Amino acid sequence: MTTPILVTPVTTEKAYGQSLKNVYVFTAPVSANKQQIAAAIESQYGVTVAGIKTLVQSGKAVRFSRGKNRYPGTTTRTDSKKAYVTLAEGSIAVFEQAEEATKASEEKK
């Protein structure tokens, strides 16, 4: 039995623009493959996945200091994986709640 993975939606303006085209962006563990990500999304959100594209974003190089009078060192942040998921039908209510809240606040003004 495999351990369930946790995928979280990305809530940025670019991801919102993709959601209008029925493509949703999620962050996933780097060790997860496409089938595991699709199964996790289907079980968490109750939708049918039509297609999925994944990419691994390399961690940024970061400088750090090792104390007084020492040369600084460099390291990298951890890599992250993004999954672009196309749904067969339906939608995921990630941005709809934010839209309703902004519409309600605009009506009050």
PDB file of N, CA and C in Angstrom:
ATOM      1  N   MET A   1       0.845  -1.177   0.000  1.00  0.00           N
ATOM      2  CA  MET A   1       0.000   0.000   0.000  1.00  0.00           C
ATOM      3  C   MET A   1       0.890   1.239   0.000  1.00  0.00           C
ATOM      4  N   THR A   2       0.582   2.166  -0.872  1.00  0.00           N
ATOM      5  CA  THR A   2       1.379   3.374  -0.957  1.00  0.00           C
ATOM      6  C   THR A   2       0.832   4.425  -0.003  1.00  0.00           C
ATOM      7  N   THR A   3       1.712   5.285   0.430  1.00  0.00           N
ATOM      8  CA  THR A   3       1.279   6.370   1.304  1.00  0.00           C
ATOM      9  C   THR A   3       0.649   7.462   0.459  1.00  0.00           C
ATOM     10  N   PRO A   4      -0.436   8.053   0.925  1.00  0.00           N
ATOM     11  CA  PRO A   4      -1.071   9.115   0.144  1.00  0.00           C
ATOM     12  C   PRO A   4      -0.195  10.361   0.120  1.00  0.00           C
ATOM     13  N   ILE A   5      -0.206  11.037  -1.014  1.00  0.00           N
ATOM     14  CA  ILE A   5       0.573  12.263  -1.140  1.00  0.00           C
ATOM     15  C   ILE A   5      -0.362  13.457  -1.011  1.00  0.00           C
ATOM     16  N   LEU A   6       0.200  14.572  -0.633  1.00  0.00           N
ATOM     17  CA  LEU A   6      -0.569  15.793  -0.453  1.00  0.00           C
ATOM     18  C   LEU A   6      -0.174  16.782  -1.538  1.00  0.00           C
ATOM     19  N   VAL A   7      -1.145  17.196  -2.331  1.00  0.00           N
ATOM     20  CA  VAL A   7      -0.916  18.218  -3.339  1.00  0.00           C
ATOM     21  C   VAL A   7      -1.700  19.458  -2.932  1.00  0.00           C
ATOM     22  N   THR A   8      -1.072  20.620  -3.097  1.00  0.00           N
ATOM     23  CA  THR A   8      -1.720  21.871  -2.715  1.00  0.00           C
ATOM     24  C   THR A   8      -1.823  22.778  -3.928  1.00  0.00           C
ATOM     25  N   PRO A   9      -2.929  23.476  -4.096  1.00  0.00           N
ATOM     26  CA  PRO A   9      -3.078  24.358  -5.249  1.00  0.00           C
ATOM     27  C   PRO A   9      -2.214  25.609  -5.121  1.00  0.00           C
ATOM     28  N   VAL A  10      -1.755  26.092  -6.256  1.00  0.00           N
ATOM     29  CA  VAL A  10      -0.985  27.324  -6.314  1.00  0.00           C
ATOM     30  C   VAL A  10      -1.970  28.462  -6.568  1.00  0.00           C
ATOM     31  N   THR A  11      -1.942  29.490  -5.731  1.00  0.00           N
ATOM     32  CA  THR A  11      -2.896  30.593  -5.856  1.00  0.00           C
ATOM     33  C   THR A  11      -2.156  31.864  -6.232  1.00  0.00           C
ATOM     34  N   THR A  12      -1.779  31.953  -7.503  1.00  0.00           N
ATOM     35  CA  THR A  12      -1.141  33.142  -8.033  1.00  0.00           C
ATOM     36  C   THR A  12      -1.975  33.666  -9.199  1.00  0.00           C
ATOM     37  N   GLU A  13      -1.637  34.838  -9.684  1.00  0.00           N
ATOM     38  CA  GLU A  13      -2.380  35.401 -10.807  1.00  0.00           C
ATOM     39  C   GLU A  13      -2.218  34.555 -12.061  1.00  0.00           C
ATOM     40  N   LYS A  14      -1.015  34.037 -12.270  1.00  0.00           N
ATOM     41  CA  LYS A  14      -0.775  33.192 -13.434  1.00  0.00           C
ATOM     42  C   LYS A  14      -1.577  31.895 -13.337  1.00  0.00           C
ATOM     43  N   ALA A  15      -1.636  31.315 -12.147  1.00  0.00           N
ATOM     44  CA  ALA A  15      -2.417  30.097 -11.956  1.00  0.00           C
ATOM     45  C   ALA A  15      -3.904  30.376 -12.134  1.00  0.00           C
ATOM     46  N   TYR A  16      -4.359  31.546 -11.705  1.00  0.00           N
ATOM     47  CA  TYR A  16      -5.761  31.921 -11.900  1.00  0.00           C
ATOM     48  C   TYR A  16      -6.076  32.036 -13.383  1.00  0.00           C
ATOM     49  N   GLY A  17      -5.186  32.622 -14.163  1.00  0.00           N
ATOM     50  CA  GLY A  17      -5.388  32.717 -15.609  1.00  0.00           C
ATOM     51  C   GLY A  17      -5.461  31.351 -16.259  1.00  0.00           C
ATOM     52  N   GLN A  18      -4.659  30.396 -15.777  1.00  0.00           N
ATOM     53  CA  GLN A  18      -4.710  29.044 -16.305  1.00  0.00           C
ATOM     54  C   GLN A  18      -6.019  28.355 -15.919  1.00  0.00           C
ATOM     55  N   SER A  19      -6.552  28.666 -14.738  1.00  0.00           N
ATOM     56  CA  SER A  19      -7.780  28.006 -14.293  1.00  0.00           C
ATOM     57  C   SER A  19      -8.970  28.409 -15.162  1.00  0.00           C
ATOM     58  N   LEU A  20      -8.904  29.554 -15.800  1.00  0.00           N
ATOM     59  CA  LEU A  20      -9.965  29.944 -16.721  1.00  0.00           C
ATOM     60  C   LEU A  20      -9.977  29.048 -17.958  1.00  0.00           C
ATOM     61  N   LYS A  21      -8.851  28.402 -18.253  1.00  0.00           N
ATOM     62  CA  LYS A  21      -8.728  27.472 -19.383  1.00  0.00           C
ATOM     63  C   LYS A  21      -8.884  26.024 -18.921  1.00  0.00           C
ATOM     64  N   ASN A  22      -9.383  25.818 -17.692  1.00  0.00           N
ATOM     65  CA  ASN A  22      -9.591  24.490 -17.113  1.00  0.00           C
ATOM     66  C   ASN A  22      -8.282  23.761 -16.841  1.00  0.00           C
ATOM     67  N   VAL A  23      -7.198  24.514 -16.587  1.00  0.00           N
ATOM     68  CA  VAL A  23      -5.908  23.950 -16.200  1.00  0.00           C
ATOM     69  C   VAL A  23      -5.585  24.499 -14.813  1.00  0.00           C
ATOM     70  N   TYR A  24      -5.314  23.601 -13.875  1.00  0.00           N
ATOM     71  CA  TYR A  24      -5.046  23.995 -12.502  1.00  0.00           C
ATOM     72  C   TYR A  24      -3.610  23.638 -12.144  1.00  0.00           C
ATOM     73  N   VAL A  25      -2.968  24.480 -11.337  1.00  0.00           N
ATOM     74  CA  VAL A  25      -1.570  24.309 -10.968  1.00  0.00           C
ATOM     75  C   VAL A  25      -1.498  23.856  -9.508  1.00  0.00           C
ATOM     76  N   PHE A  26      -0.714  22.811  -9.256  1.00  0.00           N
ATOM     77  CA  PHE A  26      -0.546  22.270  -7.917  1.00  0.00           C
ATOM     78  C   PHE A  26       0.938  22.095  -7.627  1.00  0.00           C
ATOM     79  N   THR A  27       1.303  22.182  -6.349  1.00  0.00           N
ATOM     80  CA  THR A  27       2.642  21.790  -5.928  1.00  0.00           C
ATOM     81  C   THR A  27       2.546  20.362  -5.417  1.00  0.00           C
ATOM     82  N   ALA A  28       3.571  19.578  -5.714  1.00  0.00           N
ATOM     83  CA  ALA A  28       3.562  18.163  -5.353  1.00  0.00           C
ATOM     84  C   ALA A  28       4.943  17.782  -4.841  1.00  0.00           C
ATOM     85  N   PRO A  29       5.052  16.667  -4.143  1.00  0.00           N
ATOM     86  CA  PRO A  29       6.375  16.191  -3.717  1.00  0.00           C
ATOM     87  C   PRO A  29       7.229  15.838  -4.932  1.00  0.00           C
ATOM     88  N   VAL A  30       8.529  16.077  -4.827  1.00  0.00           N
ATOM     89  CA  VAL A  30       9.436  15.819  -5.946  1.00  0.00           C
ATOM     90  C   VAL A  30       9.474  14.329  -6.273  1.00  0.00           C
ATOM     91  N   SER A  31       9.263  13.474  -5.293  1.00  0.00           N
ATOM     92  CA  SER A  31       9.339  12.031  -5.519  1.00  0.00           C
ATOM     93  C   SER A  31       8.078  11.455  -6.154  1.00  0.00           C
ATOM     94  N   ALA A  32       6.988  12.223  -6.253  1.00  0.00           N
ATOM     95  CA  ALA A  32       5.728  11.712  -6.793  1.00  0.00           C
ATOM     96  C   ALA A  32       5.758  11.709  -8.318  1.00  0.00           C
ATOM     97  N   ASN A  33       5.148  10.680  -8.927  1.00  0.00           N
ATOM     98  CA  ASN A  33       5.050  10.638 -10.382  1.00  0.00           C
ATOM     99  C   ASN A  33       3.661  11.101 -10.818  1.00  0.00           C
ATOM    100  N   LYS A  34       3.438  11.142 -12.137  1.00  0.00           N
ATOM    101  CA  LYS A  34       2.189  11.692 -12.660  1.00  0.00           C
ATOM    102  C   LYS A  34       0.970  10.889 -12.222  1.00  0.00           C
ATOM    103  N   GLN A  35       1.096   9.573 -12.200  1.00  0.00           N
ATOM    104  CA  GLN A  35      -0.047   8.744 -11.816  1.00  0.00           C
ATOM    105  C   GLN A  35      -0.418   8.966 -10.349  1.00  0.00           C
ATOM    106  N   GLN A  36       0.567   9.109  -9.486  1.00  0.00           N
ATOM    107  CA  GLN A  36       0.295   9.356  -8.070  1.00  0.00           C
ATOM    108  C   GLN A  36      -0.345  10.725  -7.866  1.00  0.00           C
ATOM    109  N   ILE A  37       0.147  11.725  -8.603  1.00  0.00           N
ATOM    110  CA  ILE A  37      -0.414  13.078  -8.482  1.00  0.00           C
ATOM    111  C   ILE A  37      -1.857  13.093  -8.972  1.00  0.00           C
ATOM    112  N   ALA A  38      -2.125  12.441 -10.107  1.00  0.00           N
ATOM    113  CA  ALA A  38      -3.484  12.397 -10.651  1.00  0.00           C
ATOM    114  C   ALA A  38      -4.426  11.687  -9.689  1.00  0.00           C
ATOM    115  N   ALA A  39      -3.977  10.590  -9.094  1.00  0.00           N
ATOM    116  CA  ALA A  39      -4.816   9.859  -8.141  1.00  0.00           C
ATOM    117  C   ALA A  39      -5.095  10.704  -6.906  1.00  0.00           C
ATOM    118  N   ALA A  40      -4.106  11.458  -6.431  1.00  0.00           N
ATOM    119  CA  ALA A  40      -4.288  12.305  -5.257  1.00  0.00           C
ATOM    120  C   ALA A  40      -5.282  13.427  -5.541  1.00  0.00           C
ATOM    121  N   ILE A  41      -5.209  14.029  -6.724  1.00  0.00           N
ATOM    122  CA  ILE A  41      -6.123  15.123  -7.073  1.00  0.00           C
ATOM    123  C   ILE A  41      -7.541  14.589  -7.215  1.00  0.00           C
ATOM    124  N   GLU A  42      -7.679  13.422  -7.834  1.00  0.00           N
ATOM    125  CA  GLU A  42      -9.012  12.834  -7.990  1.00  0.00           C
ATOM    126  C   GLU A  42      -9.634  12.486  -6.639  1.00  0.00           C
ATOM    127  N   SER A  43      -8.825  11.999  -5.702  1.00  0.00           N
ATOM    128  CA  SER A  43      -9.378  11.636  -4.400  1.00  0.00           C
ATOM    129  C   SER A  43      -9.635  12.862  -3.519  1.00  0.00           C
ATOM    130  N   GLN A  44      -8.775  13.881  -3.592  1.00  0.00           N
ATOM    131  CA  GLN A  44      -8.938  15.052  -2.727  1.00  0.00           C
ATOM    132  C   GLN A  44     -10.064  15.968  -3.192  1.00  0.00           C
ATOM    133  N   TYR A  45     -10.209  16.131  -4.510  1.00  0.00           N
ATOM    134  CA  TYR A  45     -11.152  17.122  -5.032  1.00  0.00           C
ATOM    135  C   TYR A  45     -12.348  16.506  -5.744  1.00  0.00           C
ATOM    136  N   GLY A  46     -12.364  15.188  -5.976  1.00  0.00           N
ATOM    137  CA  GLY A  46     -13.517  14.537  -6.595  1.00  0.00           C
ATOM    138  C   GLY A  46     -13.741  14.921  -8.037  1.00  0.00           C
ATOM    139  N   VAL A  47     -12.676  15.072  -8.811  1.00  0.00           N
ATOM    140  CA  VAL A  47     -12.773  15.434 -10.223  1.00  0.00           C
ATOM    141  C   VAL A  47     -12.074  14.360 -11.063  1.00  0.00           C
ATOM    142  N   THR A  48     -12.269  14.419 -12.387  1.00  0.00           N
ATOM    143  CA  THR A  48     -11.611  13.496 -13.294  1.00  0.00           C
ATOM    144  C   THR A  48     -10.492  14.224 -14.021  1.00  0.00           C
ATOM    145  N   VAL A  49      -9.287  13.687 -13.957  1.00  0.00           N
ATOM    146  CA  VAL A  49      -8.115  14.300 -14.581  1.00  0.00           C
ATOM    147  C   VAL A  49      -7.997  13.800 -16.015  1.00  0.00           C
ATOM    148  N   ALA A  50      -7.913  14.735 -16.978  1.00  0.00           N
ATOM    149  CA  ALA A  50      -7.762  14.370 -18.391  1.00  0.00           C
ATOM    150  C   ALA A  50      -6.290  14.301 -18.780  1.00  0.00           C
ATOM    151  N   GLY A  51      -5.483  15.221 -18.291  1.00  0.00           N
ATOM    152  CA  GLY A  51      -4.063  15.243 -18.624  1.00  0.00           C
ATOM    153  C   GLY A  51      -3.276  15.927 -17.530  1.00  0.00           C
ATOM    154  N   ILE A  52      -1.973  15.643 -17.507  1.00  0.00           N
ATOM    155  CA  ILE A  52      -1.125  16.238 -16.477  1.00  0.00           C
ATOM    156  C   ILE A  52       0.266  16.455 -17.050  1.00  0.00           C
ATOM    157  N   LYS A  53       0.830  17.613 -16.757  1.00  0.00           N
ATOM    158  CA  LYS A  53       2.208  17.939 -17.121  1.00  0.00           C
ATOM    159  C   LYS A  53       2.921  18.320 -15.834  1.00  0.00           C
ATOM    160  N   THR A  54       4.141  17.834 -15.662  1.00  0.00           N
ATOM    161  CA  THR A  54       4.893  18.137 -14.454  1.00  0.00           C
ATOM    162  C   THR A  54       6.222  18.776 -14.812  1.00  0.00           C
ATOM    163  N   LEU A  55       6.749  19.538 -13.868  1.00  0.00           N
ATOM    164  CA  LEU A  55       8.084  20.104 -14.021  1.00  0.00           C
ATOM    165  C   LEU A  55       8.716  20.218 -12.651  1.00  0.00           C
ATOM    166  N   VAL A  56      10.036  20.075 -12.621  1.00  0.00           N
ATOM    167  CA  VAL A  56      10.788  20.230 -11.385  1.00  0.00           C
ATOM    168  C   VAL A  56      11.533  21.545 -11.471  1.00  0.00           C
ATOM    169  N   GLN A  57      11.232  22.438 -10.538  1.00  0.00           N
ATOM    170  CA  GLN A  57      11.869  23.743 -10.499  1.00  0.00           C
ATOM    171  C   GLN A  57      13.088  23.643  -9.593  1.00  0.00           C
ATOM    172  N   SER A  58      14.258  23.960 -10.127  1.00  0.00           N
ATOM    173  CA  SER A  58      15.494  23.883  -9.353  1.00  0.00           C
ATOM    174  C   SER A  58      15.506  24.947  -8.266  1.00  0.00           C
ATOM    175  N   GLY A  59      16.099  24.616  -7.128  1.00  0.00           N
ATOM    176  CA  GLY A  59      16.188  25.560  -6.028  1.00  0.00           C
ATOM    177  C   GLY A  59      17.164  26.677  -6.334  1.00  0.00           C
ATOM    178  N   LYS A  60      16.858  27.862  -5.834  1.00  0.00           N
ATOM    179  CA  LYS A  60      17.715  29.020  -6.062  1.00  0.00           C
ATOM    180  C   LYS A  60      19.024  28.887  -5.291  1.00  0.00           C
ATOM    181  N   ALA A  61      20.082  29.441  -5.847  1.00  0.00           N
ATOM    182  CA  ALA A  61      21.362  29.506  -5.139  1.00  0.00           C
ATOM    183  C   ALA A  61      21.290  30.634  -4.121  1.00  0.00           C
ATOM    184  N   VAL A  62      21.716  30.365  -2.896  1.00  0.00           N
ATOM    185  CA  VAL A  62      21.627  31.323  -1.802  1.00  0.00           C
ATOM    186  C   VAL A  62      22.993  31.459  -1.162  1.00  0.00           C
ATOM    187  N   ARG A  63      23.411  32.689  -0.865  1.00  0.00           N
ATOM    188  CA  ARG A  63      24.675  32.930  -0.169  1.00  0.00           C
ATOM    189  C   ARG A  63      24.425  32.964   1.324  1.00  0.00           C
ATOM    190  N   PHE A  64      25.394  32.544   2.091  1.00  0.00           N
ATOM    191  CA  PHE A  64      25.295  32.622   3.535  1.00  0.00           C
ATOM    192  C   PHE A  64      26.668  32.916   4.110  1.00  0.00           C
ATOM    193  N   SER A  65      26.676  33.453   5.310  1.00  0.00           N
ATOM    194  CA  SER A  65      27.916  33.803   5.982  1.00  0.00           C
ATOM    195  C   SER A  65      28.201  32.782   7.080  1.00  0.00           C
ATOM    196  N   ARG A  66      29.473  32.414   7.209  1.00  0.00           N
ATOM    197  CA  ARG A  66      29.834  31.427   8.224  1.00  0.00           C
ATOM    198  C   ARG A  66      30.542  32.086   9.404  1.00  0.00           C
ATOM    199  N   GLY A  67      30.262  33.335   9.631  1.00  0.00           N
ATOM    200  CA  GLY A  67      30.842  34.010  10.790  1.00  0.00           C
ATOM    201  C   GLY A  67      31.783  35.129  10.381  1.00  0.00           C
ATOM    202  N   LYS A  68      32.332  35.799  11.365  1.00  0.00           N
ATOM    203  CA  LYS A  68      33.195  36.942  11.147  1.00  0.00           C
ATOM    204  C   LYS A  68      34.533  36.495  10.564  1.00  0.00           C
ATOM    205  N   ASN A  69      35.040  37.243   9.607  1.00  0.00           N
ATOM    206  CA  ASN A  69      36.332  37.029   8.964  1.00  0.00           C
ATOM    207  C   ASN A  69      36.439  35.707   8.209  1.00  0.00           C
ATOM    208  N   ARG A  70      35.346  35.144   7.822  1.00  0.00           N
ATOM    209  CA  ARG A  70      35.372  33.934   7.015  1.00  0.00           C
ATOM    210  C   ARG A  70      34.749  34.239   5.665  1.00  0.00           C
ATOM    211  N   TYR A  71      35.128  33.467   4.682  1.00  0.00           N
ATOM    212  CA  TYR A  71      34.556  33.656   3.357  1.00  0.00           C
ATOM    213  C   TYR A  71      33.119  33.130   3.329  1.00  0.00           C
ATOM    214  N   PRO A  72      32.252  33.832   2.629  1.00  0.00           N
ATOM    215  CA  PRO A  72      30.862  33.358   2.570  1.00  0.00           C
ATOM    216  C   PRO A  72      30.767  32.085   1.729  1.00  0.00           C
ATOM    217  N   GLY A  73      29.775  31.304   2.011  1.00  0.00           N
ATOM    218  CA  GLY A  73      29.539  30.078   1.265  1.00  0.00           C
ATOM    219  C   GLY A  73      28.251  30.190   0.459  1.00  0.00           C
ATOM    220  N   THR A  74      28.017  29.222  -0.371  1.00  0.00           N
ATOM    221  CA  THR A  74      26.771  29.189  -1.131  1.00  0.00           C
ATOM    222  C   THR A  74      26.119  27.831  -0.938  1.00  0.00           C
ATOM    223  N   THR A  75      24.824  27.834  -1.028  1.00  0.00           N
ATOM    224  CA  THR A  75      24.035  26.607  -0.960  1.00  0.00           C
ATOM    225  C   THR A  75      22.828  26.804  -1.860  1.00  0.00           C
ATOM    226  N   THR A  76      22.014  25.788  -2.002  1.00  0.00           N
ATOM    227  CA  THR A  76      20.809  25.915  -2.816  1.00  0.00           C
ATOM    228  C   THR A  76      19.601  25.535  -1.984  1.00  0.00           C
ATOM    229  N   ARG A  77      18.483  26.147  -2.316  1.00  0.00           N
ATOM    230  CA  ARG A  77      17.221  25.785  -1.680  1.00  0.00           C
ATOM    231  C   ARG A  77      16.748  24.463  -2.277  1.00  0.00           C
ATOM    232  N   THR A  78      15.769  23.847  -1.658  1.00  0.00           N
ATOM    233  CA  THR A  78      15.289  22.556  -2.136  1.00  0.00           C
ATOM    234  C   THR A  78      14.507  22.725  -3.440  1.00  0.00           C
ATOM    235  N   ASP A  79      14.556  21.694  -4.266  1.00  0.00           N
ATOM    236  CA  ASP A  79      13.801  21.691  -5.512  1.00  0.00           C
ATOM    237  C   ASP A  79      12.315  21.534  -5.192  1.00  0.00           C
ATOM    238  N   SER A  80      11.475  21.970  -6.132  1.00  0.00           N
ATOM    239  CA  SER A  80      10.035  21.812  -5.961  1.00  0.00           C
ATOM    240  C   SER A  80       9.441  21.317  -7.276  1.00  0.00           C
ATOM    241  N   LYS A  81       8.311  20.641  -7.178  1.00  0.00           N
ATOM    242  CA  LYS A  81       7.648  20.094  -8.355  1.00  0.00           C
ATOM    243  C   LYS A  81       6.291  20.749  -8.515  1.00  0.00           C
ATOM    244  N   LYS A  82       5.980  21.157  -9.747  1.00  0.00           N
ATOM    245  CA  LYS A  82       4.678  21.717 -10.072  1.00  0.00           C
ATOM    246  C   LYS A  82       3.968  20.769 -11.023  1.00  0.00           C
ATOM    247  N   ALA A  83       2.664  20.685 -10.887  1.00  0.00           N
ATOM    248  CA  ALA A  83       1.858  19.845 -11.765  1.00  0.00           C
ATOM    249  C   ALA A  83       0.768  20.707 -12.390  1.00  0.00           C
ATOM    250  N   TYR A  84       0.725  20.730 -13.724  1.00  0.00           N
ATOM    251  CA  TYR A  84      -0.318  21.430 -14.466  1.00  0.00           C
ATOM    252  C   TYR A  84      -1.347  20.382 -14.853  1.00  0.00           C
ATOM    253  N   VAL A  85      -2.531  20.456 -14.244  1.00  0.00           N
ATOM    254  CA  VAL A  85      -3.547  19.424 -14.392  1.00  0.00           C
ATOM    255  C   VAL A  85      -4.697  19.952 -15.234  1.00  0.00           C
ATOM    256  N   THR A  86      -5.032  19.215 -16.310  1.00  0.00           N
ATOM    257  CA  THR A  86      -6.186  19.525 -17.141  1.00  0.00           C
ATOM    258  C   THR A  86      -7.317  18.601 -16.720  1.00  0.00           C
ATOM    259  N   LEU A  87      -8.483  19.169 -16.461  1.00  0.00           N
ATOM    260  CA  LEU A  87      -9.618  18.378 -16.014  1.00  0.00           C
ATOM    261  C   LEU A  87     -10.494  17.987 -17.197  1.00  0.00           C
ATOM    262  N   ALA A  88     -11.069  16.785 -17.126  1.00  0.00           N
ATOM    263  CA  ALA A  88     -11.972  16.322 -18.173  1.00  0.00           C
ATOM    264  C   ALA A  88     -13.282  17.102 -18.116  1.00  0.00           C
ATOM    265  N   GLU A  89     -13.800  17.283 -16.915  1.00  0.00           N
ATOM    266  CA  GLU A  89     -15.036  18.035 -16.726  1.00  0.00           C
ATOM    267  C   GLU A  89     -15.078  18.545 -15.304  1.00  0.00           C
ATOM    268  N   GLY A  90     -15.889  19.554 -15.090  1.00  0.00           N
ATOM    269  CA  GLY A  90     -16.003  20.121 -13.757  1.00  0.00           C
ATOM    270  C   GLY A  90     -14.913  21.143 -13.483  1.00  0.00           C
ATOM    271  N   SER A  91     -14.867  21.595 -12.246  1.00  0.00           N
ATOM    272  CA  SER A  91     -13.865  22.570 -11.849  1.00  0.00           C
ATOM    273  C   SER A  91     -13.532  22.352 -10.377  1.00  0.00           C
ATOM    274  N   ILE A  92     -12.468  22.979  -9.949  1.00  0.00           N
ATOM    275  CA  ILE A  92     -12.036  22.925  -8.565  1.00  0.00           C
ATOM    276  C   ILE A  92     -12.274  24.303  -7.960  1.00  0.00           C
ATOM    277  N   ALA A  93     -12.922  24.346  -6.829  1.00  0.00           N
ATOM    278  CA  ALA A  93     -13.304  25.617  -6.211  1.00  0.00           C
ATOM    279  C   ALA A  93     -12.142  26.206  -5.425  1.00  0.00           C
ATOM    280  N   VAL A  94     -11.077  26.590  -6.140  1.00  0.00           N
ATOM    281  CA  VAL A  94      -9.938  27.223  -5.488  1.00  0.00           C
ATOM    282  C   VAL A  94     -10.099  28.730  -5.529  1.00  0.00           C
ATOM    283  N   PHE A  95     -10.462  29.250  -6.694  1.00  0.00           N
ATOM    284  CA  PHE A  95     -10.554  30.688  -6.875  1.00  0.00           C
ATOM    285  C   PHE A  95     -11.983  31.207  -6.775  1.00  0.00           C
ATOM    286  N   GLU A  96     -12.972  30.344  -6.830  1.00  0.00           N
ATOM    287  CA  GLU A  96     -14.352  30.800  -6.782  1.00  0.00           C
ATOM    288  C   GLU A  96     -14.679  31.470  -5.463  1.00  0.00           C
ATOM    289  N   GLN A  97     -14.116  30.971  -4.358  1.00  0.00           N
ATOM    290  CA  GLN A  97     -14.370  31.569  -3.049  1.00  0.00           C
ATOM    291  C   GLN A  97     -13.804  32.978  -2.983  1.00  0.00           C
ATOM    292  N   ALA A  98     -12.627  33.186  -3.572  1.00  0.00           N
ATOM    293  CA  ALA A  98     -12.024  34.520  -3.562  1.00  0.00           C
ATOM    294  C   ALA A  98     -12.839  35.477  -4.429  1.00  0.00           C
ATOM    295  N   GLU A  99     -13.363  34.983  -5.559  1.00  0.00           N
ATOM    296  CA  GLU A  99     -14.176  35.831  -6.430  1.00  0.00           C
ATOM    297  C   GLU A  99     -15.446  36.272  -5.714  1.00  0.00           C
ATOM    298  N   GLU A 100     -16.106  35.337  -5.017  1.00  0.00           N
ATOM    299  CA  GLU A 100     -17.333  35.675  -4.308  1.00  0.00           C
ATOM    300  C   GLU A 100     -17.069  36.696  -3.209  1.00  0.00           C
ATOM    301  N   ALA A 101     -15.944  36.578  -2.529  1.00  0.00           N
ATOM    302  CA  ALA A 101     -15.621  37.513  -1.459  1.00  0.00           C
ATOM    303  C   ALA A 101     -15.361  38.915  -2.014  1.00  0.00           C
ATOM    304  N   THR A 102     -14.667  39.009  -3.150  1.00  0.00           N
ATOM    305  CA  THR A 102     -14.405  40.327  -3.732  1.00  0.00           C
ATOM    306  C   THR A 102     -15.685  40.939  -4.288  1.00  0.00           C
ATOM    307  N   LYS A 103     -16.553  40.129  -4.869  1.00  0.00           N
ATOM    308  CA  LYS A 103     -17.817  40.648  -5.385  1.00  0.00           C
ATOM    309  C   LYS A 103     -18.690  41.165  -4.240  1.00  0.00           C
ATOM    310  N   ALA A 104     -18.711  40.436  -3.139  1.00  0.00           N
ATOM    311  CA  ALA A 104     -19.506  40.853  -1.992  1.00  0.00           C
ATOM    312  C   ALA A 104     -18.970  42.146  -1.390  1.00  0.00           C
ATOM    313  N   SER A 105     -17.663  42.294  -1.322  1.00  0.00           N
ATOM    314  CA  SER A 105     -17.096  43.511  -0.766  1.00  0.00           C
ATOM    315  C   SER A 105     -17.303  44.704  -1.685  1.00  0.00           C
ATOM    316  N   GLU A 106     -17.323  44.466  -3.006  1.00  0.00           N
ATOM    317  CA  GLU A 106     -17.573  45.557  -3.943  1.00  0.00           C
ATOM    318  C   GLU A 106     -19.019  46.014  -3.892  1.00  0.00           C
ATOM    319  N   GLU A 107     -19.943  45.074  -3.658  1.00  0.00           N
ATOM    320  CA  GLU A 107     -21.351  45.438  -3.573  1.00  0.00           C
ATOM    321  C   GLU A 107     -21.648  46.264  -2.329  1.00  0.00           C
ATOM    322  N   LYS A 108     -20.909  46.044  -1.255  1.00  0.00           N
ATOM    323  CA  LYS A 108     -21.115  46.776  -0.027  1.00  0.00           C
ATOM    324  C   LYS A 108     -20.701  48.234  -0.146  1.00  0.00           C
ATOM    325  N   LYS A 109     -19.755  48.495  -1.043  1.00  0.00           N
ATOM    326  CA  LYS A 109     -19.246  49.875  -1.197  1.00  0.00           C
ATOM    327  C   LYS A 109     -20.176  50.767  -1.920  1.00  0.00           C
TER     328      LYS A 109
END
